[in-house]
Each structure stands twice: as C-alpha cells, then as structure tokens.
Amino acid sequence: MDNIHSLRFFWPESVLTVAVLAMLVQDLIVRRSGRRVPSLVAGALFWLALTAAATWATPSTTTPLFGGLLQHDPLRLFFAWLFLGAAFLTVIIVPKSAQISPARLGEFIALLFALVLGMFLMASATDLLMIYLAVETVSLVSYVLTSFRRADRKANEAALKYVIYGGVASGVMLYGMSILYGLFGTTRVTGDGGIGAQLADVTSRLFMAQAFGGQPAAQLALVVAVIFVLAGVGYKIASVPFHMWCPDVYEGAPTPFTAFLSVGPKAAGFAVAIRFFFAAFERPVPGGGYAPITDLPWPAIIGIISAITMTLGNLTAIVQTNLKRMLAYSSIAHAGYLLMGLAAASTAGVQSILVYLIVYVLMNVGAFLVIIAVSRITGGEQITDFRGLGSKAPIAAFALTVFLFSLTGIPPFAGFVGKYLIFAAVVQRGGFWNVLLAVIGVLNSAVSLFYYARIIKAMYLEDAVDERPLAVPAVYTGLLVALAVPVLALGLYWTPLVRWAANAFGGGNIS
C-alpha cells in the first residue's frame, strides 16, 4: 500500500505524534498556573482517549503499510491496546508520586508519549531498518526518563549503564541485520521478495548456499545473524545475557517509570520477536499452526536462553533486600517464562505469550504501585519498610499479596492461567527437551514463591517500627482495587483473554 492510502491505518501513531508536541506546548502555557498538574493530567488523558478512539476506528484488516515497512493486522491492534493501558496507568500514578516534580510533569508525559509511539512502531515493524529505528526510538527516550531526576546520582548511574548496554546491543543487532541483508539482498522480513519468501523458495536457498560457499557456510551465517538480531530483542526484554542493565535501571529510575518500563518495552520486544521469527522462519499450514521453513534451530536457541534467564532471575532475586531490585530480577525471570512460549514455535505458544502479557501488566504495575505508596511516606524501598503494612494499610497489603501470589503462579490468580498456558504450549510441542523446559519453568516458579513470601511475611508477621496508619492516596487505593479485581476474576474465568489472544494471532496473520 502506498504512503497516502497507508495514512488511514496510521491514525493512532499520528495522534501520538501530535500529542507529544501538544503536551510540550501545554506545559509552557500552564507553567505559572495554580492548577498546572490537574490540567496536564487532563490533557494527557484527553490525548490517550483520542489515541484509543483512533485505534478503535482503525479497520481490523491485514495489510502492509508504507510499501511494507509496517504491517497492520490484529496483532498490531492487540499491542496498541496493551501499550495504551500501561500508559494510562502511568499517567494516573505519576501526579501523586514524590519522585516526579510537578514542575517537570509536562516533560515527563511528553516523553512518555514519545516512548509509546516508538512501541507502536515496534509492534508493527516488518522491515529490519524499521525495527532498528523503532527500537532506538524506545531506547533513547528510555535513557532520558531513567535519568529524569537529574540531581539523583543513582539515577544518573543507572542511565549511564543503560546507555552503554543499549549501545552495544543495538550495534550487535545492526551487525546481524547487515548479515541478513548480505544473505538475502533485502531488509523486508515479509512480503514478496522478503526474507521469509526467499527462505520458502528452494531456488533462492540454493543460490544463497552457492554464493556463500555451500550450505553449511550459508547456514552458519544465518545462525550468527539470527543470534545477533536476538541480542537487540533480548536487551529490550532483559533476557540473559543482555539483562545486566535491568536491576540498576529499575532501582535508579523514578518508580512510576520503572513500573511502565517493566511492562511496556518488554511487551514491544516480544512483538518484534514474534513478527521476526514467525514471518521469516515459519510458514502457516492448512488447518492452523506453523511449520518451519528451514532447519535453523531458533526454537532450541530461544529455549536455552529461556531456561538460563528464568533460573538466573529467580536465584538472584532470593538475596535481594531492595524491592525494586527484587522485582527487576523477577522481571528477568518472567522474560524467561515468556520466552518459553516463543520457543514452542506454535500458535498456542504465541497466544499464551499474549495472555501472559495482559496479566503481567496488571500484576506488575500493581506491585510497583504499592512500592510507590509506601516509599512516598517512608522514603524507603527495602523489605523492612513493609513491616506491619497489613495493619497500617490493609488494602494496599492485601492487593500486594494478590499481585505477588499471581506473579508466583498460584491458583486461583490470573498469573497461574498465564503460566499454565505457556507450560501447556511447550509440552504440546512434544519432545524430551520441551518437556524438560516446562519442568524447569515449574521448578523456577516454586523458587520464586520463597522471595515473594518474604514480603508477605514482613507485611503480616513482623512488627512495624511505626504503628501509625500509612496514608495511601485515594486514587492509589482505587487503582489497586481496580488492578487486583481482574487478577482475581481472570484467574477464575479466563475465556475472554484466550479469545482476544486467538483473534490477535490465529495463525497466518503476520506474513
């Protein structure tokens, strides 16, 4: 589809682009107003509502945009709603947070919208250079928001580490893309003449093998290229060995942004991974499902990374005393669980990822919201700061308990449903190694219960230093209830989630 006709499918991104500029202008206009914060929040909610309306009005079809740079399909719309939900929660949380100055709230929201715009592009990119530009858009804005508290040395240190790791990961990914371009002579992942189409063509594969000195040499070059591209994706989702930035960034960044960072860019990274691997190396088969185009062992590579990621994340989280660092390592472990769904290399595996991402937004943002509520009063983020929370702030303590049990994967919470679907997809794939991967996932879930239970023990079984009630803002209390209820409800009735995921990725939608 040409550029002019593509614009009718590009309204959400267009609205976000205008929103970034509008929030900066509004910030200048209301800078000296006594109602600056409410007006900025109202403006942000207006632009989010307008973006949601544009997303809703976008035709639900499957078509390439801008000559194949982007792909419009139900999967793109799924991630659009996920990103908008995470952005909405962040906008509601920020004004009452003590870590974002009211004088800089407009800048924060404008940068947040720019970050969401980059995530929208990541979710629909089907060209290697477009993927790179979208990833870099998200990364560069994330660096700025991580160091948003300029006077905080810990935030500056976290941003510096984030930049260094991000630069290396982006360079490696770009080098892998250059190898793919050398192999196939195109940057398009899908469509006629794209990487997937060439791999499906026996003549193209034979020509590639001859050009690189035989089939083994061409296969080795392809494996190296895929691993290098995986470095860029792994950096966004914080999988081993590209995870080392995660704990310091989560601890040093403003907590409202940490909550968003833990769910938004991670989901965008999985959107890129799904599009890249299934469009390039898998083909839809009659009756549903996918079959590999080549004998490239990408599911095995991702399976190994998945097992190492979840094990390292959970074992390292055990020794943490700072809750933000603990949830950082927990986030790394959950990236490992999600990679299991990708390693299944099946429609059921991708659908389980989509279901889990929805649940993960609810429970992870909720957990960080309790940390924000406690730290704005106590100034601390250690487990000891949560002693006696069950009596000081019973609603917040109960909500955090729900989120932690759900993160562990205990029934009847929604986290159990997400993990069950992922484990089932891997087992259904069959084979000893897939079953072993599922067993490793179950064992890691058991390990995670230990460090989550430490927080619950501190809240209910240990005495607080200060017994006075902890004043949680009413908007935080309402939001905690609004997040905890679906975590409970979806653990009992998860059919809507499965149906939504099936509509987003029913097979054959992305190529």
Protein backbone atom coordinates (compact mmCIF):
# COMPACT_ATOMS: atom_id res chain seq x y z
CA MET A 1 0.00 0.00 0.00
CA ASP A 2 1.34 3.44 -0.93
CA ASN A 3 2.00 6.19 1.60
CA ILE A 4 -1.22 8.16 1.07
CA HIS A 5 -3.53 5.16 1.46
CA SER A 6 -1.48 3.89 4.41
CA LEU A 7 -2.28 7.01 6.44
CA ARG A 8 -5.86 5.87 7.12
CA PHE A 9 -4.38 2.96 9.11
CA PHE A 10 -1.76 5.16 10.76
CA TRP A 11 -4.08 7.40 12.80
CA PRO A 12 -3.03 6.15 16.29
CA GLU A 13 0.64 6.95 15.64
CA SER A 14 -0.30 10.28 14.06
CA VAL A 15 -2.32 11.27 17.12
CA LEU A 16 0.56 10.29 19.43
CA THR A 17 2.96 12.40 17.38
CA VAL A 18 0.70 15.43 17.77
CA ALA A 19 0.23 14.58 21.47
CA VAL A 20 3.98 14.79 22.14
CA LEU A 21 4.15 18.29 20.70
CA ALA A 22 0.85 19.35 22.30
CA MET A 23 1.95 18.31 25.79
CA LEU A 24 5.16 20.35 25.48
CA VAL A 25 3.20 23.40 24.34
CA GLN A 26 0.61 22.94 27.09
CA ASP A 27 3.40 22.66 29.66
CA LEU A 28 4.69 26.08 28.58
CA ILE A 29 1.22 27.65 28.66
CA VAL A 30 0.26 26.44 32.17
CA ARG A 31 3.74 26.77 33.67
CA ARG A 32 2.67 29.53 36.10
CA SER A 33 -0.87 28.27 36.66
CA GLY A 34 -2.01 27.16 40.11
CA ARG A 35 -3.84 24.22 38.53
CA ARG A 36 -0.91 23.09 36.45
CA VAL A 37 -0.87 19.43 37.50
CA PRO A 38 -4.63 18.76 37.03
CA SER A 39 -4.60 20.48 33.64
CA LEU A 40 -1.59 18.45 32.46
CA VAL A 41 -3.17 15.18 33.63
CA ALA A 42 -6.44 16.13 31.93
CA GLY A 43 -4.53 16.92 28.73
CA ALA A 44 -2.69 13.60 28.88
CA LEU A 45 -5.94 11.67 29.42
CA PHE A 46 -7.52 13.54 26.52
CA TRP A 47 -4.75 12.54 24.13
CA LEU A 48 -4.81 8.94 25.37
CA ALA A 49 -8.58 8.85 24.81
CA LEU A 50 -8.13 10.31 21.32
CA THR A 51 -5.47 7.70 20.53
CA ALA A 52 -7.77 4.97 21.83
CA ALA A 53 -10.59 6.30 19.62
CA ALA A 54 -8.25 6.32 16.60
CA THR A 55 -7.19 2.74 17.40
CA TRP A 56 -10.81 1.66 17.73
CA ALA A 57 -11.74 3.31 14.43
CA THR A 58 -8.86 1.70 12.53
CA PRO A 59 -10.17 -1.03 10.18
CA SER A 60 -9.44 -4.52 11.50
CA THR A 61 -7.86 -5.98 8.40
CA THR A 62 -4.43 -7.32 7.45
CA THR A 63 -2.45 -5.15 5.08
CA PRO A 64 1.13 -3.89 4.65
CA LEU A 65 1.67 -0.16 5.14
CA PHE A 66 4.11 2.28 3.56
CA GLY A 67 5.39 -0.16 0.99
CA GLY A 68 5.93 -2.97 3.50
CA LEU A 69 7.72 -1.07 6.29
CA LEU A 70 4.86 -1.72 8.71
CA GLN A 71 2.13 -4.33 8.97
CA HIS A 72 -1.41 -3.55 10.06
CA ASP A 73 -3.19 -6.58 11.49
CA PRO A 74 -5.00 -7.76 14.66
CA LEU A 75 -1.64 -8.37 16.37
CA ARG A 76 -0.72 -4.71 15.97
CA LEU A 77 -4.06 -3.65 17.46
CA PHE A 78 -3.61 -6.06 20.39
CA PHE A 79 -0.32 -4.50 21.37
CA ALA A 80 -1.70 -0.99 20.78
CA TRP A 81 -4.36 -1.55 23.45
CA LEU A 82 -1.76 -3.08 25.78
CA PHE A 83 0.52 -0.04 25.42
CA LEU A 84 -2.33 2.41 25.90
CA GLY A 85 -3.40 0.60 29.07
CA ALA A 86 0.10 0.76 30.51
CA ALA A 87 0.42 4.45 29.58
CA PHE A 88 -2.96 5.24 31.16
CA LEU A 89 -1.93 3.59 34.44
CA THR A 90 1.35 5.54 34.45
CA VAL A 91 -0.39 8.88 33.86
CA ILE A 92 -2.75 8.19 36.78
CA ILE A 93 0.10 7.15 39.10
CA VAL A 94 2.62 9.94 38.36
CA PRO A 95 0.93 13.06 39.86
CA LYS A 96 0.84 11.64 43.41
CA SER A 97 4.37 10.27 43.21
CA ALA A 98 7.03 12.12 45.16
CA GLN A 99 9.70 11.23 42.58
CA ILE A 100 8.41 13.35 39.68
CA SER A 101 8.47 17.09 40.32
CA PRO A 102 5.22 18.89 39.39
CA ALA A 103 7.38 21.47 37.62
CA ARG A 104 8.53 18.77 35.16
CA LEU A 105 5.34 16.73 34.84
CA GLY A 106 4.62 18.03 31.33
CA GLU A 107 8.05 16.99 30.10
CA PHE A 108 7.62 13.55 31.63
CA ILE A 109 4.26 12.94 29.96
CA ALA A 110 5.50 14.23 26.58
CA LEU A 111 8.48 11.85 26.72
CA LEU A 112 6.18 9.03 27.82
CA PHE A 113 4.01 9.60 24.74
CA ALA A 114 7.14 9.57 22.54
CA LEU A 115 8.08 6.25 24.12
CA VAL A 116 4.61 4.83 23.43
CA LEU A 117 4.90 6.00 19.82
CA GLY A 118 8.14 4.03 19.45
CA MET A 119 6.47 0.98 20.96
CA PHE A 120 3.59 1.26 18.47
CA LEU A 121 6.15 1.20 15.65
CA MET A 122 7.96 -1.79 17.19
CA ALA A 123 4.70 -3.75 17.29
CA SER A 124 4.05 -3.27 13.56
CA ALA A 125 7.54 -3.10 12.00
CA THR A 126 8.23 -5.69 9.30
CA ASP A 127 11.41 -4.22 7.85
CA LEU A 128 14.81 -4.68 9.50
CA LEU A 129 15.70 -0.99 9.38
CA MET A 130 12.24 -0.04 10.64
CA ILE A 131 12.69 -2.45 13.53
CA TYR A 132 16.04 -0.85 14.34
CA LEU A 133 14.66 2.71 14.20
CA ALA A 134 11.68 1.77 16.39
CA VAL A 135 13.91 0.05 18.96
CA GLU A 136 16.24 3.04 19.05
CA THR A 137 13.30 5.44 19.48
CA VAL A 138 12.17 3.49 22.53
CA SER A 139 15.72 3.16 23.86
CA LEU A 140 16.72 6.83 23.54
CA VAL A 141 13.59 8.06 25.29
CA SER A 142 14.04 5.41 27.98
CA TYR A 143 17.56 6.69 28.70
CA VAL A 144 16.21 10.19 29.28
CA LEU A 145 13.34 9.06 31.51
CA THR A 146 15.67 6.86 33.56
CA SER A 147 17.81 9.89 34.42
CA PHE A 148 14.80 12.18 34.79
CA ARG A 149 15.82 13.06 38.36
CA ARG A 150 18.97 14.93 37.35
CA ALA A 151 20.19 15.52 40.91
CA ASP A 152 19.98 11.83 41.84
CA ARG A 153 23.37 10.14 41.44
CA LYS A 154 21.79 6.67 41.43
CA ALA A 155 19.52 7.68 38.54
CA ASN A 156 22.47 9.10 36.59
CA GLU A 157 24.49 5.93 37.17
CA ALA A 158 21.55 3.78 36.05
CA ALA A 159 21.08 5.84 32.88
CA LEU A 160 24.79 5.60 32.02
CA LYS A 161 24.76 1.82 32.36
CA TYR A 162 21.55 1.70 30.33
CA VAL A 163 23.14 3.74 27.53
CA ILE A 164 26.30 1.61 27.44
CA TYR A 165 24.47 -1.72 27.36
CA GLY A 166 21.91 -0.35 24.91
CA GLY A 167 24.57 0.93 22.56
CA VAL A 168 26.37 -2.42 22.49
CA ALA A 169 23.14 -4.39 22.00
CA SER A 170 21.99 -2.07 19.20
CA GLY A 171 25.37 -2.33 17.46
CA VAL A 172 25.30 -6.12 17.62
CA MET A 173 21.71 -6.21 16.34
CA LEU A 174 22.55 -3.88 13.46
CA TYR A 175 25.51 -6.05 12.51
CA GLY A 176 23.22 -9.10 12.46
CA MET A 177 20.83 -7.21 10.21
CA SER A 178 23.68 -6.38 7.86
CA ILE A 179 24.47 -10.11 7.58
CA LEU A 180 20.83 -10.82 6.77
CA TYR A 181 20.94 -8.13 4.09
CA GLY A 182 24.07 -9.73 2.66
CA LEU A 183 22.35 -13.12 2.59
CA PHE A 184 19.02 -12.06 1.08
CA GLY A 185 19.63 -8.67 -0.54
CA THR A 186 16.62 -7.12 1.20
CA THR A 187 15.63 -5.65 4.56
CA ARG A 188 11.99 -6.76 4.26
CA VAL A 189 11.02 -9.58 6.59
CA THR A 190 7.64 -10.30 4.98
CA GLY A 191 6.04 -9.91 1.57
CA ASP A 192 7.16 -10.83 -1.91
CA GLY A 193 10.93 -11.00 -2.08
CA GLY A 194 11.24 -10.72 1.70
CA ILE A 195 13.39 -12.94 3.90
CA GLY A 196 10.55 -15.35 4.62
CA ALA A 197 9.59 -15.65 0.95
CA GLN A 198 13.19 -16.30 -0.09
CA LEU A 199 13.67 -18.96 2.57
CA ALA A 200 10.49 -20.67 1.38
CA ASP A 201 11.82 -20.70 -2.19
CA VAL A 202 14.09 -23.69 -2.82
CA THR A 203 15.80 -21.90 -5.74
CA SER A 204 16.65 -18.91 -3.53
CA ARG A 205 18.09 -21.18 -0.84
CA LEU A 206 20.28 -22.99 -3.36
CA PHE A 207 21.52 -19.67 -4.77
CA MET A 208 22.32 -18.41 -1.26
CA ALA A 209 24.23 -21.60 -0.47
CA GLN A 210 26.29 -21.31 -3.66
CA ALA A 211 27.06 -17.64 -3.01
CA PHE A 212 28.41 -18.43 0.46
CA GLY A 213 30.45 -21.45 -0.48
CA GLY A 214 27.95 -24.22 0.26
CA GLN A 215 25.01 -25.00 2.51
CA PRO A 216 26.98 -25.25 5.83
CA ALA A 217 28.56 -21.82 5.35
CA ALA A 218 25.23 -20.20 4.49
CA GLN A 219 23.53 -21.92 7.41
CA LEU A 220 26.24 -20.75 9.82
CA ALA A 221 25.94 -17.17 8.57
CA LEU A 222 22.18 -17.32 9.07
CA VAL A 223 22.52 -18.67 12.62
CA VAL A 224 25.02 -15.93 13.54
CA ALA A 225 22.75 -13.25 12.07
CA VAL A 226 19.72 -14.51 13.99
CA ILE A 227 21.65 -14.62 17.27
CA PHE A 228 22.90 -11.07 16.74
CA VAL A 229 19.38 -9.81 16.00
CA LEU A 230 18.22 -11.67 19.09
CA ALA A 231 20.72 -9.59 21.07
CA GLY A 232 18.75 -6.43 20.35
CA VAL A 233 15.44 -8.08 21.20
CA GLY A 234 16.90 -9.71 24.31
CA TYR A 235 18.13 -6.34 25.51
CA LYS A 236 14.59 -4.90 25.36
CA ILE A 237 13.04 -7.84 27.22
CA ALA A 238 16.00 -8.19 29.67
CA SER A 239 16.88 -11.81 28.90
CA VAL A 240 20.25 -13.39 29.70
CA PRO A 241 22.95 -12.40 28.77
CA PHE A 242 21.54 -8.96 27.90
CA HIS A 243 19.95 -8.40 31.33
CA MET A 244 22.73 -6.71 33.28
CA TRP A 245 21.30 -3.20 32.92
CA CYS A 246 17.95 -4.19 34.40
CA PRO A 247 18.49 -4.18 38.22
CA ASP A 248 20.36 -0.87 38.32
CA VAL A 249 17.92 0.84 35.96
CA TYR A 250 14.86 -0.41 37.84
CA GLU A 251 16.32 0.79 41.14
CA GLY A 252 17.63 4.15 39.90
CA ALA A 253 14.78 5.25 37.62
CA PRO A 254 11.71 7.05 39.04
CA THR A 255 9.40 4.28 40.26
CA PRO A 256 6.40 5.30 38.07
CA PHE A 257 8.62 4.97 35.03
CA THR A 258 10.08 1.71 36.38
CA ALA A 259 6.55 0.31 36.53
CA PHE A 260 5.98 1.28 32.88
CA LEU A 261 9.44 0.10 31.80
CA SER A 262 8.81 -3.34 33.30
CA VAL A 263 5.77 -3.99 31.09
CA GLY A 264 5.68 -1.69 28.04
CA PRO A 265 9.05 -2.09 26.30
CA LYS A 266 9.12 -5.76 27.33
CA ALA A 267 5.84 -6.35 25.50
CA ALA A 268 7.13 -4.38 22.49
CA GLY A 269 10.24 -6.56 22.42
CA PHE A 270 8.11 -9.70 22.25
CA ALA A 271 6.05 -8.13 19.45
CA VAL A 272 9.26 -7.72 17.43
CA ALA A 273 10.37 -11.27 18.23
CA ILE A 274 7.02 -12.77 17.20
CA ARG A 275 6.96 -10.91 13.90
CA PHE A 276 10.60 -11.60 13.07
CA PHE A 277 10.73 -15.32 13.82
CA PHE A 278 7.28 -16.34 12.61
CA ALA A 279 7.31 -14.23 9.46
CA ALA A 280 10.87 -15.15 8.43
CA PHE A 281 11.37 -18.74 9.59
CA GLU A 282 7.88 -20.25 9.87
CA ARG A 283 5.06 -20.71 7.37
CA PRO A 284 1.33 -21.12 8.05
CA VAL A 285 -0.04 -24.60 7.33
CA PRO A 286 -3.60 -25.56 6.33
CA GLY A 287 -5.83 -26.10 9.35
CA GLY A 288 -3.90 -23.66 11.53
CA GLY A 289 -0.46 -23.66 13.07
CA TYR A 290 3.04 -23.16 11.68
CA ALA A 291 5.78 -25.32 10.25
CA PRO A 292 9.49 -24.41 9.94
CA ILE A 293 10.76 -23.22 6.56
CA THR A 294 14.38 -24.19 7.24
CA ASP A 295 16.21 -26.39 9.69
CA LEU A 296 17.50 -23.31 11.54
CA PRO A 297 17.30 -24.32 15.25
CA TRP A 298 15.92 -21.00 16.51
CA PRO A 299 13.40 -22.62 18.92
CA ALA A 300 16.25 -24.53 20.58
CA ILE A 301 18.35 -21.35 20.88
CA ILE A 302 15.47 -19.48 22.50
CA GLY A 303 14.67 -22.47 24.73
CA ILE A 304 18.21 -22.49 26.13
CA ILE A 305 18.10 -18.72 26.72
CA SER A 306 14.70 -19.14 28.38
CA ALA A 307 15.92 -21.76 30.86
CA ILE A 308 19.01 -19.75 31.80
CA THR A 309 17.07 -16.49 32.07
CA MET A 310 14.36 -17.74 34.42
CA THR A 311 16.86 -19.63 36.58
CA LEU A 312 19.29 -16.72 36.96
CA GLY A 313 16.48 -14.23 37.62
CA ASN A 314 14.85 -16.30 40.35
CA LEU A 315 18.04 -17.39 42.10
CA THR A 316 19.44 -13.85 42.17
CA ALA A 317 16.16 -12.39 43.42
CA ILE A 318 16.39 -14.54 46.55
CA VAL A 319 19.23 -12.47 48.03
CA GLN A 320 17.75 -9.02 47.27
CA THR A 321 16.52 -6.75 50.05
CA ASN A 322 15.53 -3.77 47.90
CA LEU A 323 12.08 -4.40 46.43
CA LYS A 324 12.76 -2.63 43.13
CA ARG A 325 15.87 -4.75 42.55
CA MET A 326 13.94 -7.86 43.58
CA LEU A 327 11.20 -7.08 41.09
CA ALA A 328 13.90 -6.37 38.48
CA TYR A 329 15.26 -9.89 38.83
CA SER A 330 11.69 -11.15 38.96
CA SER A 331 11.10 -9.33 35.65
CA ILE A 332 14.13 -11.11 34.18
CA ALA A 333 12.67 -14.44 35.33
CA HIS A 334 9.31 -13.62 33.77
CA ALA A 335 11.08 -12.82 30.50
CA GLY A 336 12.32 -16.41 30.68
CA TYR A 337 8.79 -17.73 31.14
CA LEU A 338 7.57 -15.68 28.18
CA LEU A 339 10.44 -16.95 26.02
CA MET A 340 9.14 -20.47 26.66
CA GLY A 341 6.05 -19.55 24.65
CA LEU A 342 8.25 -18.32 21.81
CA ALA A 343 10.39 -21.48 21.99
CA ALA A 344 7.23 -23.56 21.48
CA ALA A 345 7.19 -22.17 17.90
CA SER A 346 3.43 -22.66 17.64
CA THR A 347 0.21 -20.69 17.51
CA ALA A 348 -0.63 -21.83 21.05
CA GLY A 349 2.77 -20.61 22.24
CA VAL A 350 2.27 -17.10 20.86
CA GLN A 351 -1.27 -16.92 22.19
CA SER A 352 -0.02 -17.88 25.64
CA ILE A 353 2.52 -15.03 25.46
CA LEU A 354 -0.24 -12.55 24.64
CA VAL A 355 -2.42 -13.76 27.53
CA TYR A 356 0.50 -13.61 29.95
CA LEU A 357 1.46 -10.09 28.87
CA ILE A 358 -2.03 -8.80 29.69
CA VAL A 359 -1.91 -10.37 33.15
CA TYR A 360 1.67 -9.20 33.67
CA VAL A 361 0.69 -5.56 33.11
CA LEU A 362 -1.98 -5.82 35.82
CA MET A 363 0.08 -7.56 38.49
CA ASN A 364 3.46 -5.91 37.91
CA VAL A 365 2.17 -2.34 37.71
CA GLY A 366 0.09 -3.09 40.82
CA ALA A 367 3.14 -4.31 42.73
CA PHE A 368 5.14 -1.20 41.83
CA LEU A 369 2.18 0.98 42.79
CA VAL A 370 2.31 -0.37 46.35
CA ILE A 371 6.04 0.38 46.44
CA ILE A 372 5.30 3.97 45.34
CA ALA A 373 2.60 4.32 48.01
CA VAL A 374 4.91 3.12 50.78
CA SER A 375 8.07 4.94 49.67
CA ARG A 376 6.29 8.32 49.36
CA ILE A 377 5.69 8.12 53.14
CA THR A 378 8.68 6.18 54.46
CA GLY A 379 11.20 7.18 51.80
CA GLY A 380 12.45 3.58 51.64
CA GLU A 381 12.10 0.64 49.27
CA GLN A 382 13.56 -2.10 51.47
CA ILE A 383 11.62 -5.15 52.65
CA THR A 384 11.97 -3.83 56.20
CA ASP A 385 9.94 -0.76 55.20
CA PHE A 386 6.97 -3.05 54.58
CA ARG A 387 6.87 -4.47 58.11
CA GLY A 388 3.41 -4.28 59.58
CA LEU A 389 1.84 -2.99 56.36
CA GLY A 390 -1.05 -5.39 56.89
CA SER A 391 -2.26 -3.27 59.82
CA LYS A 392 -1.02 0.13 58.63
CA ALA A 393 -2.53 -0.05 55.10
CA PRO A 394 -4.66 -3.21 54.86
CA ILE A 395 -5.99 -2.62 51.34
CA ALA A 396 -2.53 -1.97 49.90
CA ALA A 397 -1.11 -5.00 51.75
CA PHE A 398 -3.91 -7.29 50.54
CA ALA A 399 -3.54 -6.04 46.95
CA LEU A 400 0.23 -6.61 47.03
CA THR A 401 -0.39 -10.13 48.35
CA VAL A 402 -2.71 -10.81 45.41
CA PHE A 403 -0.13 -9.50 42.93
CA LEU A 404 2.73 -11.49 44.47
CA PHE A 405 0.76 -14.76 44.53
CA SER A 406 -0.23 -14.11 40.92
CA LEU A 407 3.41 -13.44 39.93
CA THR A 408 4.30 -16.76 41.56
CA GLY A 409 1.65 -18.56 39.52
CA ILE A 410 -0.55 -19.86 42.33
CA PRO A 411 -4.22 -20.60 41.57
CA PRO A 412 -6.81 -19.11 41.52
CA PHE A 413 -4.95 -15.98 40.36
CA ALA A 414 -4.55 -14.89 36.74
CA GLY A 415 -0.79 -15.45 36.81
CA PHE A 416 -1.45 -19.18 37.18
CA VAL A 417 -3.52 -19.16 33.99
CA GLY A 418 -0.76 -17.37 32.08
CA LYS A 419 1.95 -19.78 33.21
CA TYR A 420 -0.27 -22.81 32.69
CA LEU A 421 -0.95 -21.84 29.07
CA ILE A 422 2.76 -21.28 28.43
CA PHE A 423 3.78 -24.60 30.01
CA ALA A 424 0.99 -26.39 28.13
CA ALA A 425 2.11 -24.91 24.79
CA VAL A 426 5.66 -26.17 25.34
CA VAL A 427 4.51 -29.64 26.39
CA GLN A 428 2.13 -29.87 23.43
CA ARG A 429 5.07 -29.20 21.14
CA GLY A 430 6.42 -32.55 22.29
CA GLY A 431 9.91 -33.94 22.65
CA PHE A 432 12.15 -34.53 25.65
CA TRP A 433 13.77 -31.09 25.62
CA ASN A 434 10.47 -29.24 25.52
CA VAL A 435 9.13 -31.25 28.44
CA LEU A 436 12.37 -30.59 30.32
CA LEU A 437 11.98 -26.86 29.64
CA ALA A 438 8.47 -26.98 31.12
CA VAL A 439 9.79 -28.80 34.21
CA ILE A 440 12.48 -26.13 34.65
CA GLY A 441 9.74 -23.50 34.45
CA VAL A 442 7.66 -25.21 37.15
CA LEU A 443 10.69 -25.57 39.45
CA ASN A 444 11.55 -21.90 38.97
CA SER A 445 8.00 -20.92 39.89
CA ALA A 446 8.44 -22.82 43.15
CA VAL A 447 11.69 -20.95 43.81
CA SER A 448 10.00 -17.60 43.22
CA LEU A 449 7.50 -18.30 45.98
CA PHE A 450 10.34 -18.08 48.52
CA TYR A 451 11.32 -14.47 47.87
CA TYR A 452 7.75 -13.28 47.27
CA ALA A 453 6.74 -14.88 50.58
CA ARG A 454 9.43 -12.82 52.37
CA ILE A 455 7.48 -9.67 51.52
CA ILE A 456 4.17 -11.16 52.67
CA LYS A 457 5.82 -12.32 55.90
CA ALA A 458 7.13 -8.81 56.56
CA MET A 459 3.69 -7.27 55.95
CA TYR A 460 1.68 -9.59 58.19
CA LEU A 461 4.00 -11.37 60.65
CA GLU A 462 6.56 -8.70 61.58
CA ASP A 463 6.02 -5.64 63.76
CA ALA A 464 6.34 -2.19 62.25
CA VAL A 465 8.71 0.37 63.71
CA ASP A 466 5.96 2.98 63.40
CA GLU A 467 2.47 1.62 64.13
CA ARG A 468 0.61 4.68 62.83
CA PRO A 469 -1.67 4.07 59.78
CA LEU A 470 0.00 4.72 56.43
CA ALA A 471 -1.94 7.26 54.39
CA VAL A 472 -2.39 5.88 50.88
CA PRO A 473 -3.87 8.39 48.40
CA ALA A 474 -7.46 7.58 47.48
CA VAL A 475 -6.58 7.41 43.78
CA TYR A 476 -3.92 4.78 44.57
CA THR A 477 -6.35 2.76 46.68
CA GLY A 478 -8.94 2.81 43.92
CA LEU A 479 -6.34 1.85 41.32
CA LEU A 480 -5.05 -1.04 43.45
CA VAL A 481 -8.59 -2.39 43.76
CA ALA A 482 -9.14 -1.90 40.02
CA LEU A 483 -5.97 -3.93 39.30
CA ALA A 484 -6.47 -6.63 41.95
CA VAL A 485 -10.07 -7.48 40.98
CA PRO A 486 -9.28 -8.56 37.39
CA VAL A 487 -6.24 -10.51 38.63
CA LEU A 488 -8.66 -12.49 40.80
CA ALA A 489 -11.51 -12.62 38.27
CA LEU A 490 -9.37 -13.65 35.29
CA GLY A 491 -7.90 -16.46 37.38
CA LEU A 492 -11.40 -17.93 37.61
CA TYR A 493 -12.73 -17.06 34.15
CA TRP A 494 -10.04 -16.52 31.55
CA THR A 495 -12.01 -17.24 28.36
CA PRO A 496 -12.11 -13.55 27.27
CA LEU A 497 -8.31 -13.35 27.44
CA VAL A 498 -7.84 -16.53 25.41
CA ARG A 499 -10.40 -15.37 22.84
CA TRP A 500 -8.71 -11.97 22.50
CA ALA A 501 -5.30 -13.61 22.05
CA ALA A 502 -6.74 -16.04 19.48
CA ASN A 503 -8.22 -13.16 17.49
CA ALA A 504 -4.89 -11.32 17.59
CA PHE A 505 -2.85 -14.35 16.49
CA GLY A 506 -4.98 -17.06 14.98
CA GLY A 507 -2.31 -18.21 12.54
CA GLY A 508 -1.20 -16.65 9.30
CA ASN A 509 -1.88 -13.09 10.42
CA ILE A 510 1.63 -11.69 10.34
CA SER A 511 3.09 -12.59 6.97
